[in-house]
C-alpha atoms as a PDB file:
ATOM      1  CA  UNK A   1      20.406  44.505 100.819  1.00  0.00           C
ATOM      2  CA  UNK A   2      21.089  46.641  97.735  1.00  0.00           C
ATOM      3  CA  UNK A   3      23.048  49.787  98.416  1.00  0.00           C
ATOM      4  CA  UNK A   4      21.026  53.011  98.233  1.00  0.00           C
ATOM      5  CA  UNK A   5      22.357  55.367  95.563  1.00  0.00           C
ATOM      6  CA  UNK A   6      23.676  58.824  96.347  1.00  0.00           C
ATOM      7  CA  UNK A   7      21.032  60.261  94.018  1.00  0.00           C
ATOM      8  CA  UNK A   8      18.279  58.573  96.034  1.00  0.00           C
ATOM      9  CA  UNK A   9      19.704  59.879  99.307  1.00  0.00           C
ATOM     10  CA  UNK A  10      19.953  63.408  97.906  1.00  0.00           C
ATOM     11  CA  UNK A  11      16.392  63.279  96.575  1.00  0.00           C
ATOM     12  CA  UNK A  12      15.034  62.040  99.898  1.00  0.00           C
ATOM     13  CA  UNK A  13      16.922  64.751 101.778  1.00  0.00           C
ATOM     14  CA  UNK A  14      15.464  67.389  99.453  1.00  0.00           C
ATOM     15  CA  UNK A  15      12.010  65.893  99.983  1.00  0.00           C
ATOM     16  CA  UNK A  16      12.397  66.403 103.733  1.00  0.00           C
ATOM     17  CA  UNK A  17      13.700  69.959 103.345  1.00  0.00           C
ATOM     18  CA  UNK A  18      10.790  70.860 101.077  1.00  0.00           C
ATOM     19  CA  UNK A  19       8.329  69.403 103.593  1.00  0.00           C
ATOM     20  CA  UNK A  20       9.979  71.283 106.463  1.00  0.00           C
ATOM     21  CA  UNK A  21       9.895  74.511 104.456  1.00  0.00           C
ATOM     22  CA  UNK A  22       6.147  74.158 103.900  1.00  0.00           C
ATOM     23  CA  UNK A  23       5.570  73.498 107.599  1.00  0.00           C
ATOM     24  CA  UNK A  24       7.718  76.396 108.762  1.00  0.00           C
ATOM     25  CA  UNK A  25       6.031  78.778 106.344  1.00  0.00           C
ATOM     26  CA  UNK A  26       2.572  77.741 107.535  1.00  0.00           C
ATOM     27  CA  UNK A  27       3.185  77.750 111.281  1.00  0.00           C
ATOM     28  CA  UNK A  28       6.612  79.219 112.008  1.00  0.00           C
ATOM     29  CA  UNK A  29       9.595  77.488 113.573  1.00  0.00           C
ATOM     30  CA  UNK A  30       8.326  77.257 117.137  1.00  0.00           C
ATOM     31  CA  UNK A  31       4.850  75.961 116.310  1.00  0.00           C
ATOM     32  CA  UNK A  32       6.191  73.220 114.032  1.00  0.00           C
ATOM     33  CA  UNK A  33       7.173  69.884 115.576  1.00  0.00           C
ATOM     34  CA  UNK A  34       9.343  67.180 114.129  1.00  0.00           C
ATOM     35  CA  UNK A  35       6.215  65.024 113.888  1.00  0.00           C
ATOM     36  CA  UNK A  36       4.594  67.706 111.731  1.00  0.00           C
ATOM     37  CA  UNK A  37       7.526  67.581 109.319  1.00  0.00           C
ATOM     38  CA  UNK A  38       7.627  63.780 109.270  1.00  0.00           C
ATOM     39  CA  UNK A  39       3.916  63.660 108.438  1.00  0.00           C
ATOM     40  CA  UNK A  40       4.302  66.337 105.748  1.00  0.00           C
ATOM     41  CA  UNK A  41       7.195  64.425 104.170  1.00  0.00           C
ATOM     42  CA  UNK A  42       5.222  61.159 104.182  1.00  0.00           C
ATOM     43  CA  UNK A  43       8.055  59.186 105.755  1.00  0.00           C
ATOM     44  CA  UNK A  44       8.422  56.814 108.652  1.00  0.00           C
ATOM     45  CA  UNK A  45      10.091  58.095 111.806  1.00  0.00           C
ATOM     46  CA  UNK A  46      13.076  55.817 111.223  1.00  0.00           C
ATOM     47  CA  UNK A  47      13.534  56.962 107.626  1.00  0.00           C
ATOM     48  CA  UNK A  48      13.289  60.613 108.630  1.00  0.00           C
ATOM     49  CA  UNK A  49      15.842  60.480 111.437  1.00  0.00           C
ATOM     50  CA  UNK A  50      18.326  58.892 109.092  1.00  0.00           C
ATOM     51  CA  UNK A  51      18.735  62.357 107.597  1.00  0.00           C
ATOM     52  CA  UNK A  52      18.075  64.862 110.391  1.00  0.00           C
ATOM     53  CA  UNK A  53      18.366  64.562 114.164  1.00  0.00           C
ATOM     54  CA  UNK A  54      16.692  67.794 115.248  1.00  0.00           C
ATOM     55  CA  UNK A  55      14.595  70.750 114.145  1.00  0.00           C
ATOM     56  CA  UNK A  56      17.627  73.011 114.535  1.00  0.00           C
ATOM     57  CA  UNK A  57      19.542  70.847 112.065  1.00  0.00           C
ATOM     58  CA  UNK A  58      16.638  71.099 109.622  1.00  0.00           C
ATOM     59  CA  UNK A  59      16.519  74.873 109.887  1.00  0.00           C
ATOM     60  CA  UNK A  60      20.267  75.128 109.398  1.00  0.00           C
ATOM     61  CA  UNK A  61      20.114  72.986 106.256  1.00  0.00           C
ATOM     62  CA  UNK A  62      17.244  75.039 104.812  1.00  0.00           C
ATOM     63  CA  UNK A  63      19.065  78.292 105.493  1.00  0.00           C
ATOM     64  CA  UNK A  64      22.296  77.111 103.906  1.00  0.00           C
ATOM     65  CA  UNK A  65      20.819  75.323 100.889  1.00  0.00           C
ATOM     66  CA  UNK A  66      17.795  77.453 100.101  1.00  0.00           C
ATOM     67  CA  UNK A  67      18.269  80.898 101.627  1.00  0.00           C
ATOM     68  CA  UNK A  68      21.874  80.881 100.410  1.00  0.00           C
ATOM     69  CA  UNK A  69      20.695  80.599  96.793  1.00  0.00           C
ATOM     70  CA  UNK A  70      21.698  84.240  96.270  1.00  0.00           C
ATOM     71  CA  UNK A  71      25.291  82.972  96.235  1.00  0.00           C
ATOM     72  CA  UNK A  72      24.648  81.252  92.917  1.00  0.00           C
ATOM     73  CA  UNK A  73      23.601  84.522  91.298  1.00  0.00           C
ATOM     74  CA  UNK A  74      26.657  86.316  92.670  1.00  0.00           C
ATOM     75  CA  UNK A  75      28.916  83.562  91.330  1.00  0.00           C
ATOM     76  CA  UNK A  76      27.333  83.938  87.892  1.00  0.00           C
ATOM     77  CA  UNK A  77      27.815  87.706  87.976  1.00  0.00           C
ATOM     78  CA  UNK A  78      31.441  87.239  89.016  1.00  0.00           C
ATOM     79  CA  UNK A  79      32.014  84.938  86.049  1.00  0.00           C
ATOM     80  CA  UNK A  80      30.779  87.494  83.500  1.00  0.00           C
ATOM     81  CA  UNK A  81      33.379  89.191  81.314  1.00  0.00           C
ATOM     82  CA  UNK A  82      33.335  92.153  81.386  1.00  0.00           C
ATOM     83  CA  UNK A  83      31.643  92.566  84.770  1.00  0.00           C
ATOM     84  CA  UNK A  84      28.065  93.860  84.557  1.00  0.00           C
ATOM     85  CA  UNK A  85      27.141  97.455  85.420  1.00  0.00           C
ATOM     86  CA  UNK A  86      25.781  97.833  88.942  1.00  0.00           C
ATOM     87  CA  UNK A  87      22.134  98.340  87.814  1.00  0.00           C
ATOM     88  CA  UNK A  88      22.326  95.095  85.836  1.00  0.00           C
ATOM     89  CA  UNK A  89      23.743  93.256  88.840  1.00  0.00           C
ATOM     90  CA  UNK A  90      20.908  94.541  91.006  1.00  0.00           C
ATOM     91  CA  UNK A  91      18.363  93.478  88.389  1.00  0.00           C
ATOM     92  CA  UNK A  92      19.766  89.935  88.413  1.00  0.00           C
ATOM     93  CA  UNK A  93      19.815  89.753  92.220  1.00  0.00           C
ATOM     94  CA  UNK A  94      16.246  91.016  92.590  1.00  0.00           C
ATOM     95  CA  UNK A  95      15.053  88.667  89.860  1.00  0.00           C
ATOM     96  CA  UNK A  96      16.499  85.811  91.925  1.00  0.00           C
ATOM     97  CA  UNK A  97      14.601  87.091  94.960  1.00  0.00           C
ATOM     98  CA  UNK A  98      11.335  87.169  93.013  1.00  0.00           C
ATOM     99  CA  UNK A  99      12.000  83.683  91.636  1.00  0.00           C
ATOM    100  CA  UNK A 100      12.174  82.358  95.213  1.00  0.00           C
ATOM    101  CA  UNK A 101       9.326  84.459  96.607  1.00  0.00           C
ATOM    102  CA  UNK A 102       6.371  82.143  96.016  1.00  0.00           C
ATOM    103  CA  UNK A 103       4.122  80.835  98.769  1.00  0.00           C
ATOM    104  CA  UNK A 104       6.642  78.076  99.453  1.00  0.00           C
ATOM    105  CA  UNK A 105       9.713  80.064  98.445  1.00  0.00           C
ATOM    106  CA  UNK A 106      12.879  80.004 100.546  1.00  0.00           C
ATOM    107  CA  UNK A 107      13.009  83.812 100.643  1.00  0.00           C
ATOM    108  CA  UNK A 108      10.155  83.783 103.159  1.00  0.00           C
ATOM    109  CA  UNK A 109      12.125  81.417 105.341  1.00  0.00           C
ATOM    110  CA  UNK A 110      14.966  83.961 105.316  1.00  0.00           C
ATOM    111  CA  UNK A 111      12.778  86.511 107.092  1.00  0.00           C
ATOM    112  CA  UNK A 112      11.962  83.977 109.820  1.00  0.00           C
ATOM    113  CA  UNK A 113      15.652  83.171 110.231  1.00  0.00           C
ATOM    114  CA  UNK A 114      16.509  86.879 110.571  1.00  0.00           C
ATOM    115  CA  UNK A 115      13.897  87.260 113.285  1.00  0.00           C
ATOM    116  CA  UNK A 116      15.266  84.297 115.237  1.00  0.00           C
ATOM    117  CA  UNK A 117      18.826  85.592 114.862  1.00  0.00           C
ATOM    118  CA  UNK A 118      17.910  88.736 116.806  1.00  0.00           C
ATOM    119  CA  UNK A 119      17.838  86.794 120.090  1.00  0.00           C
ATOM    120  CA  UNK A 120      19.064  83.245 119.452  1.00  0.00           C
ATOM    121  CA  UNK A 121      22.894  82.952 119.369  1.00  0.00           C
ATOM    122  CA  UNK A 122      22.779  79.774 117.271  1.00  0.00           C
ATOM    123  CA  UNK A 123      20.680  81.488 114.605  1.00  0.00           C
ATOM    124  CA  UNK A 124      22.863  84.592 114.819  1.00  0.00           C
ATOM    125  CA  UNK A 125      25.949  82.489 114.117  1.00  0.00           C
ATOM    126  CA  UNK A 126      24.227  80.753 111.218  1.00  0.00           C
ATOM    127  CA  UNK A 127      23.132  84.042 109.657  1.00  0.00           C
ATOM    128  CA  UNK A 128      26.550  85.569 110.268  1.00  0.00           C
ATOM    129  CA  UNK A 129      28.304  82.726 108.465  1.00  0.00           C
ATOM    130  CA  UNK A 130      25.980  83.012 105.473  1.00  0.00           C
ATOM    131  CA  UNK A 131      26.464  86.778 105.344  1.00  0.00           C
ATOM    132  CA  UNK A 132      30.244  86.395 105.354  1.00  0.00           C
ATOM    133  CA  UNK A 133      30.025  84.153 102.305  1.00  0.00           C
ATOM    134  CA  UNK A 134      27.659  86.526 100.502  1.00  0.00           C
ATOM    135  CA  UNK A 135      29.642  89.633 101.449  1.00  0.00           C
ATOM    136  CA  UNK A 136      32.910  88.023 100.265  1.00  0.00           C
ATOM    137  CA  UNK A 137      31.482  87.408  96.807  1.00  0.00           C
ATOM    138  CA  UNK A 138      29.755  90.787  96.656  1.00  0.00           C
ATOM    139  CA  UNK A 139      33.048  92.470  97.586  1.00  0.00           C
ATOM    140  CA  UNK A 140      34.881  90.577  94.837  1.00  0.00           C
ATOM    141  CA  UNK A 141      32.183  91.678  92.379  1.00  0.00           C
ATOM    142  CA  UNK A 142      32.567  95.306  93.507  1.00  0.00           C
ATOM    143  CA  UNK A 143      36.339  95.094  92.963  1.00  0.00           C
ATOM    144  CA  UNK A 144      35.818  93.914  89.396  1.00  0.00           C
ATOM    145  CA  UNK A 145      33.235  96.638  88.758  1.00  0.00           C
ATOM    146  CA  UNK A 146      35.556  99.332  90.117  1.00  0.00           C
ATOM    147  CA  UNK A 147      38.465  98.084  88.018  1.00  0.00           C
ATOM    148  CA  UNK A 148      36.229  98.073  84.926  1.00  0.00           C
ATOM    149  CA  UNK A 149      35.162 101.663  85.536  1.00  0.00           C
ATOM    150  CA  UNK A 150      31.620 100.815  86.629  1.00  0.00           C
ATOM    151  CA  UNK A 151      32.285 102.386  90.047  1.00  0.00           C
ATOM    152  CA  UNK A 152      34.249 105.424  91.114  1.00  0.00           C
ATOM    153  CA  UNK A 153      38.017 104.762  91.309  1.00  0.00           C
ATOM    154  CA  UNK A 154      38.001 105.542  95.030  1.00  0.00           C
ATOM    155  CA  UNK A 155      35.026 103.270  95.790  1.00  0.00           C
ATOM    156  CA  UNK A 156      35.513 100.973  98.788  1.00  0.00           C
ATOM    157  CA  UNK A 157      34.498  97.466  97.585  1.00  0.00           C
ATOM    158  CA  UNK A 158      33.557  96.308 101.090  1.00  0.00           C
ATOM    159  CA  UNK A 159      31.349  99.344 101.587  1.00  0.00           C
ATOM    160  CA  UNK A 160      29.699  98.743  98.213  1.00  0.00           C
ATOM    161  CA  UNK A 161      29.120  95.087  99.093  1.00  0.00           C
ATOM    162  CA  UNK A 162      27.512  96.092 102.393  1.00  0.00           C
ATOM    163  CA  UNK A 163      25.085  98.427 100.624  1.00  0.00           C
ATOM    164  CA  UNK A 164      24.296  95.824  97.942  1.00  0.00           C
ATOM    165  CA  UNK A 165      23.340  93.375 100.689  1.00  0.00           C
ATOM    166  CA  UNK A 166      21.294  96.014 102.495  1.00  0.00           C
ATOM    167  CA  UNK A 167      19.329  96.968  99.386  1.00  0.00           C
ATOM    168  CA  UNK A 168      18.592  93.329  98.551  1.00  0.00           C
ATOM    169  CA  UNK A 169      17.457  92.692 102.125  1.00  0.00           C
ATOM    170  CA  UNK A 170      15.322  95.830 102.007  1.00  0.00           C
ATOM    171  CA  UNK A 171      13.633  94.527  98.859  1.00  0.00           C
ATOM    172  CA  UNK A 172      12.923  91.207 100.563  1.00  0.00           C
ATOM    173  CA  UNK A 173      11.461  92.924 103.632  1.00  0.00           C
ATOM    174  CA  UNK A 174       9.199  95.104 101.522  1.00  0.00           C
ATOM    175  CA  UNK A 175       8.047  92.145  99.446  1.00  0.00           C
ATOM    176  CA  UNK A 176       7.328  89.856 102.392  1.00  0.00           C
ATOM    177  CA  UNK A 177       6.296  92.147 105.234  1.00  0.00           C
ATOM    178  CA  UNK A 178       5.370  95.560 103.901  1.00  0.00           C
ATOM    179  CA  UNK A 179       3.302  94.706 100.843  1.00  0.00           C
ATOM    180  CA  UNK A 180       4.486  93.928  97.357  1.00  0.00           C
ATOM    181  CA  UNK A 181       6.648  96.542  95.662  1.00  0.00           C
ATOM    182  CA  UNK A 182       7.271  96.437  91.932  1.00  0.00           C
ATOM    183  CA  UNK A 183      10.758  95.279  91.012  1.00  0.00           C
ATOM    184  CA  UNK A 184      10.988  97.877  88.257  1.00  0.00           C
ATOM    185  CA  UNK A 185      10.026 100.620  90.712  1.00  0.00           C
ATOM    186  CA  UNK A 186      12.697  99.464  93.148  1.00  0.00           C
ATOM    187  CA  UNK A 187      15.307  99.236  90.399  1.00  0.00           C
ATOM    188  CA  UNK A 188      14.371 102.711  89.146  1.00  0.00           C
ATOM    189  CA  UNK A 189      15.048 104.077  92.622  1.00  0.00           C
ATOM    190  CA  UNK A 190      18.401 102.319  92.792  1.00  0.00           C
ATOM    191  CA  UNK A 191      19.359 103.621  89.333  1.00  0.00           C
ATOM    192  CA  UNK A 192      18.475 107.162  90.363  1.00  0.00           C
ATOM    193  CA  UNK A 193      20.754 106.908  93.385  1.00  0.00           C
ATOM    194  CA  UNK A 194      23.561 105.298  91.415  1.00  0.00           C
ATOM    195  CA  UNK A 195      23.274 107.953  88.720  1.00  0.00           C
ATOM    196  CA  UNK A 196      23.954 110.661  91.272  1.00  0.00           C
ATOM    197  CA  UNK A 197      26.534 108.938  93.433  1.00  0.00           C
ATOM    198  CA  UNK A 198      27.870 106.146  91.228  1.00  0.00           C
ATOM    199  CA  UNK A 199      30.727 106.050  88.754  1.00  0.00           C
ATOM    200  CA  UNK A 200      30.512 109.708  87.780  1.00  0.00           C
ATOM    201  CA  UNK A 201      31.808 112.763  89.610  1.00  0.00           C
ATOM    202  CA  UNK A 202      31.191 112.796  93.334  1.00  0.00           C
ATOM    203  CA  UNK A 203      28.456 115.037  94.696  1.00  0.00           C
ATOM    204  CA  UNK A 204      28.269 116.018  98.302  1.00  0.00           C
ATOM    205  CA  UNK A 205      24.949 115.262  99.960  1.00  0.00           C
ATOM    206  CA  UNK A 206      23.053 118.311 101.133  1.00  0.00           C
END
């Protein structure tokens, strides 16, 4: 038999992940069976199980490959010379969120994963590992911004990275669960906060 190419295997795997994403978004993780995903993907049982053995493995792959897409944006920001101002970085990150926010977008899967992580240790570990990777890159970006004068000289890069992640997550929550919020409105709020407590002189909060 002719050997199946790596490109074909990768395309088939992506086909399955896309089908699983659609199923999970329609019915949630618990109400979706492996048979539902197999039917959605249009594959035989044998062909499907060549790629994934369980629903948990499917969810893990979706989280790492699709939800982790924010890593790509952070890598691009890290590669810029000079590093971008913080408002520009936020604009790029939120644009990436909006790009993946459609009816079948992976951002909506992220919210489901967060909910599962609250009580399922396996999900908690998965989310924790992804956050470590994101926080590491966000911290490196904050270091470059501080060194370029875009942040206060005494800014703690890890603290900045933590807040960057929190603000991006807050945007996702508001977009998915609390009704759509305009990106420009959200960015205007961030810029107002940065303008008061960012690279300029420190001001004590009242």
